[in-house]
Every structure is written in C-alpha cells, then in structure tokens.
Amino acid sequence: MVLVLSGLNPVDNGDNLSAVRALILCTACGYRASSDCLCPLEEYASLERDRDDMPTADFGIGAYTPVEAAKLLHMQPTTLRRWLYGYEYDHGEGEVHQPPLWTPQYDPDDDGPLLGFRDLIEARIVGALRRSRIGLPTIRLCIDRAKEILGDDHPFSTKAFKSDGRKIFLEITDGVEEPRLIDLKERQHVFRAFVLPSLSGLEFGGEGAARWWLVPNRRTLVADPERSFGQPIVAETGLLTSRVVQEVRAEGSPERVAKLYQLPLRAVRDAIAFEQGLLLPKAA
C-alpha cells in the first residue's frame, strides 16, 4: 500500500522557520490516506497537483492558484490577480498604483500567488458586480464601507452579508457616483439580479463562508476548505472531480466508475459535466 506523505513540518531555511505542508490526501477520495480514507481501492497515490507555487498552503482555509480560482469563477486569471494584488497603469503624468481590493488570506510575499476559500467567494461577488457594469472604483468604495460596517476584511463572504445582504448593499451603495447605482430601484435590481445569485449554494459558519455547493439544487459536488484544500470534490466520498473524469476515461463509462468507487451515478455525471464547464453556474 502506497501512502501519501503527511504532516506540517517546520523547515529551517537558515533565516526563519517556514511551514511546508505535504498534502495528506488520497488522490482517489480526497481524505487523509493514513486514517480517514474512504477509497475502496487498496492502493493510494499522491495528489497530482502542481504545488511549486503553493509552499505554505494552510489546512482549513483552502488553497487555490489564480488559474484554479479563475476556472471556478469563469474569469481570466489576470483579472483575478489585479483584484487580489493590485496593479499599475500609466496616467499620462506617471505610473499610478492601485492597491488590492481586499487583503488576501495568504501573504503573496511569503506564500506566493494563492487564494483562500474566502478570497474565492469575495471574488465571486466582485465578479457579479463587474458583470452588472459597476466600475472598480465604486466596488472598492463599497468593499471599504462594508468592511467598516461588518468589521471583516472579507465582508462579502460573511454570514451577515448572506442574511442581511440587501440592507447592507443598499447602505454601502448609498450616494456613490455611479450611474448604475444612483436610483434606488436600480440598486435593488443590481442586488436582486447579480449579487443575490452569487450567494447561492453557499453555506456559512461562524467566521464566514464555509462551503460552496457547486451544482444548482443538488448536493453532489462541493468546494469545502476543510476537505482537499477546497478543491472540487464529490461530496459523499471526497473524490476529486478531476479524478472522476480521469477514471471515466480509464474505465470507459460513468457506470463502471460509480460501481468501483461506490458513488451515486448522478454524482459521477455531475462531476463530468462540472469539469467540462457545463454545470457550474455563473454568479449572475
């Protein structure tokens, strides 16, 4: 039986101690291979993901490269990087720096380009606002106002925004110089048509968004930062959706994979559609 290396080990690099996490997961089911694995197979393999840019992924908050997050959010990785790390542009009289829209869960200087799960949800809301044709300066102002009201650096992914989102949205957009948001009815429309759908499928815990159910009206697939570092998995067993597709290709049919891994056939088919971009709903 081949087990994945496990643990969170401090490594002395001569200057300081940096935590380097080896993934503790069974590739097949997504759980800890040493104790919690639910895979019916007798052999395990290490999780096949490129972690060169992910040296200090923390368990429980999720870990996504910009490319992985952009795939989940249906946007370009470059756009996500601009929101998360800021950007520069030429204003004619010199270069202007725009800071990040919010403080990322991972420090880009220490951890590289990584998003946590709440970064992912925050970006989902911002993406919905951009699709409603609201400009980034207005969105930045709204985020800053929401931070003050809710006392959280990730205000759009808080439980309070989920429960009182309409009231909070109307408050943070009050008086902004944005044509789309001047009229009260139009502000209500933006929330109802763009922001509210981007909150669908989310479950919240005490500190904010806790998991994202990825298929509308079904709980077959989930992104949960406490399982497989937030990567999309089959909820019942933890099998990575990307692995489901690999196994279907290898075994020849969804039915064979469902039987082999003791999965609901509906979950296997959802995973295939998800990986093909057919199931995951856009935020609006």
Protein backbone atom coordinates (compact mmCIF):
# COMPACT_ATOMS: atom_id res chain seq x y z
CA MET A 1 0.00 0.00 0.00
CA VAL A 2 1.49 3.32 -1.00
CA LEU A 3 0.55 6.20 1.32
CA VAL A 4 0.93 9.90 0.78
CA LEU A 5 3.48 11.75 2.88
CA SER A 6 1.72 13.65 5.61
CA GLY A 7 2.35 16.37 8.13
CA LEU A 8 3.03 20.05 8.56
CA ASN A 9 6.74 20.34 9.15
CA PRO A 10 8.81 23.40 10.07
CA VAL A 11 11.79 23.73 7.77
CA ASP A 12 14.80 25.76 8.85
CA ASN A 13 15.94 27.68 5.78
CA GLY A 14 18.67 29.50 7.66
CA ASP A 15 16.73 32.72 8.08
CA ASN A 16 13.42 31.70 9.58
CA LEU A 17 11.08 28.79 10.03
CA SER A 18 8.59 28.30 7.23
CA ALA A 19 5.81 25.74 7.34
CA VAL A 20 5.83 23.45 4.34
CA ARG A 21 2.75 21.30 4.03
CA ALA A 22 2.89 17.97 2.26
CA LEU A 23 -0.56 17.05 1.08
CA ILE A 24 -2.05 14.35 3.29
CA LEU A 25 -4.61 13.23 0.80
CA CYS A 26 -5.53 10.10 -1.03
CA THR A 27 -5.85 11.03 -4.68
CA ALA A 28 -8.88 8.80 -5.06
CA CYS A 29 -11.14 10.02 -2.28
CA GLY A 30 -9.56 13.25 -1.09
CA TYR A 31 -9.33 12.24 2.58
CA ARG A 32 -6.25 11.58 4.71
CA ALA A 33 -4.78 8.40 3.29
CA SER A 34 -3.44 7.23 6.65
CA SER A 35 -6.66 7.20 8.65
CA ASP A 36 -9.74 8.77 7.10
CA CYS A 37 -9.58 7.44 3.56
CA LEU A 38 -12.87 6.13 2.21
CA CYS A 39 -11.49 4.80 -1.05
CA PRO A 40 -12.37 1.16 -1.76
CA LEU A 41 -9.07 0.60 -3.51
CA GLU A 42 -6.05 -0.82 -1.68
CA GLU A 43 -3.50 1.49 -3.19
CA TYR A 44 -3.14 5.24 -2.98
CA ALA A 45 -1.18 7.82 -4.89
CA SER A 46 -0.12 11.34 -4.10
CA LEU A 47 -2.41 14.15 -5.11
CA GLU A 48 -1.46 15.05 -8.68
CA ARG A 49 -1.33 18.82 -8.44
CA ASP A 50 1.49 21.22 -9.14
CA ARG A 51 2.34 22.76 -5.77
CA ASP A 52 5.51 24.57 -6.81
CA ASP A 53 3.78 27.91 -6.22
CA MET A 54 1.99 26.70 -3.08
CA PRO A 55 4.67 26.24 -0.42
CA THR A 56 2.60 27.04 2.69
CA ALA A 57 -0.99 26.04 1.99
CA ASP A 58 -2.86 26.12 5.29
CA PHE A 59 -5.37 23.43 6.16
CA GLY A 60 -8.88 24.71 6.75
CA ILE A 61 -8.82 27.91 4.69
CA GLY A 62 -8.47 26.41 1.22
CA ALA A 63 -5.71 26.90 -1.35
CA TYR A 64 -6.19 27.87 -4.99
CA THR A 65 -3.79 29.16 -7.59
CA PRO A 66 -5.18 32.09 -9.62
CA VAL A 67 -5.70 29.69 -12.54
CA GLU A 68 -7.70 27.25 -10.40
CA ALA A 69 -9.80 30.03 -8.88
CA ALA A 70 -10.41 31.66 -12.25
CA LYS A 71 -11.70 28.36 -13.63
CA LEU A 72 -14.20 28.11 -10.78
CA LEU A 73 -15.30 31.72 -11.25
CA HIS A 74 -15.44 31.81 -15.05
CA MET A 75 -12.97 34.67 -15.40
CA GLN A 76 -9.43 35.35 -16.55
CA PRO A 77 -6.57 34.69 -14.08
CA THR A 78 -5.05 38.09 -14.92
CA THR A 79 -8.25 39.82 -13.80
CA LEU A 80 -8.21 37.92 -10.52
CA ARG A 81 -4.57 38.81 -9.91
CA ARG A 82 -5.32 42.51 -10.44
CA TRP A 83 -8.09 42.42 -7.86
CA LEU A 84 -6.06 40.44 -5.36
CA TYR A 85 -2.60 42.01 -5.66
CA GLY A 86 -3.22 45.42 -7.20
CA TYR A 87 -1.84 46.79 -10.45
CA GLU A 88 -0.17 49.80 -12.08
CA TYR A 89 -1.25 51.87 -15.05
CA ASP A 90 0.05 54.94 -16.90
CA HIS A 91 -1.99 58.03 -16.11
CA GLY A 92 -0.12 60.29 -18.51
CA GLU A 93 1.73 62.08 -15.74
CA GLY A 94 3.33 58.93 -14.42
CA GLU A 95 2.54 55.47 -13.23
CA VAL A 96 -0.37 55.04 -10.80
CA HIS A 97 -0.60 52.13 -8.40
CA GLN A 98 -3.97 50.64 -7.47
CA PRO A 99 -3.90 48.57 -4.27
CA PRO A 100 -5.71 45.22 -3.88
CA LEU A 101 -9.48 45.32 -3.47
CA TRP A 102 -9.11 43.39 -0.21
CA THR A 103 -6.34 41.79 1.84
CA PRO A 104 -5.73 38.21 0.65
CA GLN A 105 -5.77 35.33 3.11
CA TYR A 106 -2.27 34.38 2.02
CA ASP A 107 0.67 36.79 2.04
CA PRO A 108 1.90 36.93 -1.58
CA ASP A 109 5.45 37.74 -0.42
CA ASP A 110 5.66 34.68 1.82
CA ASP A 111 3.23 32.23 0.25
CA GLY A 112 3.22 33.07 -3.45
CA PRO A 113 0.09 33.63 -5.55
CA LEU A 114 -2.54 31.78 -3.51
CA LEU A 115 -6.20 32.40 -2.75
CA GLY A 116 -8.03 31.10 0.29
CA PHE A 117 -11.64 29.99 0.17
CA ARG A 118 -12.99 33.32 1.39
CA ASP A 119 -10.88 35.10 -1.24
CA LEU A 120 -12.63 32.89 -3.77
CA ILE A 121 -16.10 33.86 -2.53
CA GLU A 122 -15.17 37.53 -2.29
CA ALA A 123 -14.06 37.42 -5.91
CA ARG A 124 -17.31 35.72 -6.87
CA ILE A 125 -19.30 38.70 -5.53
CA VAL A 126 -16.96 41.24 -7.14
CA GLY A 127 -17.31 39.38 -10.43
CA ALA A 128 -21.07 39.68 -10.19
CA LEU A 129 -20.80 43.43 -9.60
CA ARG A 130 -18.48 43.81 -12.59
CA ARG A 131 -20.97 41.93 -14.77
CA SER A 132 -23.58 44.46 -13.69
CA ARG A 133 -21.29 47.12 -15.25
CA ILE A 134 -20.21 48.69 -11.96
CA GLY A 135 -16.71 50.17 -12.08
CA LEU A 136 -13.82 49.04 -9.88
CA PRO A 137 -13.50 52.41 -8.05
CA THR A 138 -17.12 52.08 -6.92
CA ILE A 139 -16.61 48.44 -5.96
CA ARG A 140 -13.52 49.40 -3.96
CA LEU A 141 -15.55 52.03 -2.10
CA CYS A 142 -18.34 49.54 -1.42
CA ILE A 143 -15.87 46.98 -0.05
CA ASP A 144 -14.31 49.59 2.24
CA ARG A 145 -17.72 50.65 3.52
CA ALA A 146 -18.75 47.03 4.05
CA LYS A 147 -15.54 46.35 6.00
CA GLU A 148 -16.41 49.18 8.37
CA ILE A 149 -19.98 48.01 8.83
CA LEU A 150 -19.20 44.32 9.31
CA GLY A 151 -15.74 44.53 10.85
CA ASP A 152 -14.33 41.91 8.50
CA ASP A 153 -11.63 42.12 5.81
CA HIS A 154 -13.75 39.82 3.63
CA PRO A 155 -17.17 41.44 4.06
CA PHE A 156 -18.96 39.85 1.09
CA SER A 157 -18.23 36.33 2.37
CA THR A 158 -19.63 36.92 5.87
CA LYS A 159 -22.73 35.32 7.29
CA ALA A 160 -24.12 38.80 7.96
CA PHE A 161 -23.91 39.70 4.27
CA LYS A 162 -25.73 36.50 3.40
CA SER A 163 -28.56 37.18 5.85
CA ASP A 164 -28.79 40.99 5.57
CA GLY A 165 -27.23 41.46 2.16
CA ARG A 166 -29.95 43.61 0.64
CA LYS A 167 -29.91 46.09 3.52
CA ILE A 168 -26.11 46.21 3.63
CA PHE A 169 -25.82 46.57 -0.14
CA LEU A 170 -28.24 49.50 -0.20
CA GLU A 171 -26.28 51.12 2.60
CA ILE A 172 -22.83 50.74 1.06
CA THR A 173 -24.05 51.97 -2.35
CA ASP A 174 -25.90 54.99 -0.95
CA GLY A 175 -24.64 58.20 -2.58
CA VAL A 176 -21.97 56.63 -4.77
CA GLU A 177 -21.18 58.40 -8.02
CA GLU A 178 -22.05 55.50 -10.26
CA PRO A 179 -24.77 55.89 -12.91
CA ARG A 180 -25.94 52.31 -12.37
CA LEU A 181 -26.47 52.88 -8.65
CA ILE A 182 -27.96 56.36 -8.36
CA ASP A 183 -31.58 55.26 -8.45
CA LEU A 184 -32.86 53.18 -5.51
CA LYS A 185 -34.84 50.84 -7.76
CA GLU A 186 -31.77 50.25 -9.91
CA ARG A 187 -29.68 49.46 -6.83
CA GLN A 188 -32.32 46.98 -5.72
CA HIS A 189 -32.26 45.42 -9.18
CA VAL A 190 -28.48 45.04 -9.14
CA PHE A 191 -28.64 43.26 -5.81
CA ARG A 192 -31.51 41.00 -6.84
CA ALA A 193 -30.21 40.15 -10.32
CA PHE A 194 -26.45 39.98 -9.71
CA VAL A 195 -25.41 39.89 -6.05
CA LEU A 196 -28.08 37.54 -4.69
CA PRO A 197 -27.43 34.77 -7.27
CA SER A 198 -23.73 34.92 -6.40
CA LEU A 199 -24.60 33.93 -2.82
CA SER A 200 -26.50 30.83 -3.94
CA GLY A 201 -25.08 27.47 -2.97
CA LEU A 202 -23.06 28.91 -0.08
CA GLU A 203 -23.14 27.58 3.47
CA PHE A 204 -21.87 29.75 6.30
CA GLY A 205 -20.20 29.03 9.61
CA GLY A 206 -19.24 31.28 12.47
CA GLU A 207 -16.41 33.01 10.61
CA GLY A 208 -17.97 33.29 7.17
CA ALA A 209 -18.48 31.17 4.08
CA ALA A 210 -17.73 27.55 4.95
CA ARG A 211 -18.52 25.60 1.75
CA TRP A 212 -19.86 26.06 -1.75
CA TRP A 213 -22.28 23.54 -3.24
CA LEU A 214 -21.37 23.59 -6.90
CA VAL A 215 -24.44 22.12 -8.60
CA PRO A 216 -27.72 24.06 -8.52
CA ASN A 217 -30.39 22.31 -6.42
CA ARG A 218 -28.23 19.24 -5.76
CA ARG A 219 -25.62 18.45 -3.15
CA THR A 220 -23.46 16.16 -5.20
CA LEU A 221 -20.34 18.34 -5.59
CA VAL A 222 -18.79 20.74 -3.11
CA ALA A 223 -15.82 23.04 -2.54
CA ASP A 224 -15.01 22.83 1.17
CA PRO A 225 -11.78 24.35 2.53
CA GLU A 226 -11.56 21.60 5.15
CA ARG A 227 -11.56 18.86 2.53
CA SER A 228 -8.91 18.53 -0.18
CA PHE A 229 -7.84 22.15 0.38
CA GLY A 230 -11.12 23.36 -1.11
CA GLN A 231 -10.72 21.65 -4.47
CA PRO A 232 -14.00 20.48 -6.11
CA ILE A 233 -14.94 17.03 -4.88
CA VAL A 234 -17.82 14.58 -4.83
CA ALA A 235 -19.46 15.44 -1.52
CA GLU A 236 -20.33 11.90 -0.45
CA THR A 237 -16.85 10.39 -0.70
CA GLY A 238 -14.43 13.26 -1.31
CA LEU A 239 -13.27 12.02 -4.71
CA LEU A 240 -11.82 14.91 -6.69
CA THR A 241 -13.97 15.82 -9.69
CA SER A 242 -10.85 15.92 -11.85
CA ARG A 243 -10.06 12.37 -10.74
CA VAL A 244 -13.59 11.25 -11.62
CA VAL A 245 -13.01 12.36 -15.21
CA GLN A 246 -9.65 10.57 -15.32
CA GLU A 247 -11.23 7.37 -14.05
CA VAL A 248 -14.12 7.55 -16.52
CA ARG A 249 -11.60 7.83 -19.34
CA ALA A 250 -9.66 4.89 -17.96
CA GLU A 251 -12.67 2.67 -17.14
CA GLY A 252 -14.73 3.56 -20.18
CA SER A 253 -18.04 4.57 -18.60
CA PRO A 254 -19.58 6.55 -15.71
CA GLU A 255 -21.37 3.40 -14.59
CA ARG A 256 -18.13 1.48 -14.06
CA VAL A 257 -16.62 4.35 -12.06
CA ALA A 258 -19.75 4.67 -9.93
CA LYS A 259 -19.55 0.99 -9.07
CA LEU A 260 -15.79 0.98 -8.50
CA TYR A 261 -15.81 3.95 -6.11
CA GLN A 262 -19.27 3.28 -4.68
CA LEU A 263 -20.56 6.64 -5.92
CA PRO A 264 -24.05 7.71 -6.94
CA LEU A 265 -24.17 7.65 -10.73
CA ARG A 266 -25.70 11.15 -10.63
CA ALA A 267 -22.61 12.43 -8.83
CA VAL A 268 -20.29 10.90 -11.44
CA ARG A 269 -22.24 12.51 -14.26
CA ASP A 270 -22.31 15.84 -12.41
CA ALA A 271 -18.55 15.70 -11.94
CA ILE A 272 -18.04 15.11 -15.67
CA ALA A 273 -20.34 17.99 -16.60
CA PHE A 274 -18.68 20.21 -14.00
CA GLU A 275 -15.19 19.57 -15.33
CA GLN A 276 -16.46 20.34 -18.83
CA GLY A 277 -17.82 23.68 -17.59
CA LEU A 278 -21.44 22.67 -18.18
CA LEU A 279 -22.81 22.67 -14.65
CA LEU A 280 -21.14 25.37 -12.59
CA PRO A 281 -23.47 28.38 -12.58
CA LYS A 282 -22.14 31.84 -13.11
CA ALA A 283 -22.76 34.27 -10.30
CA ALA A 284 -25.35 36.09 -12.39
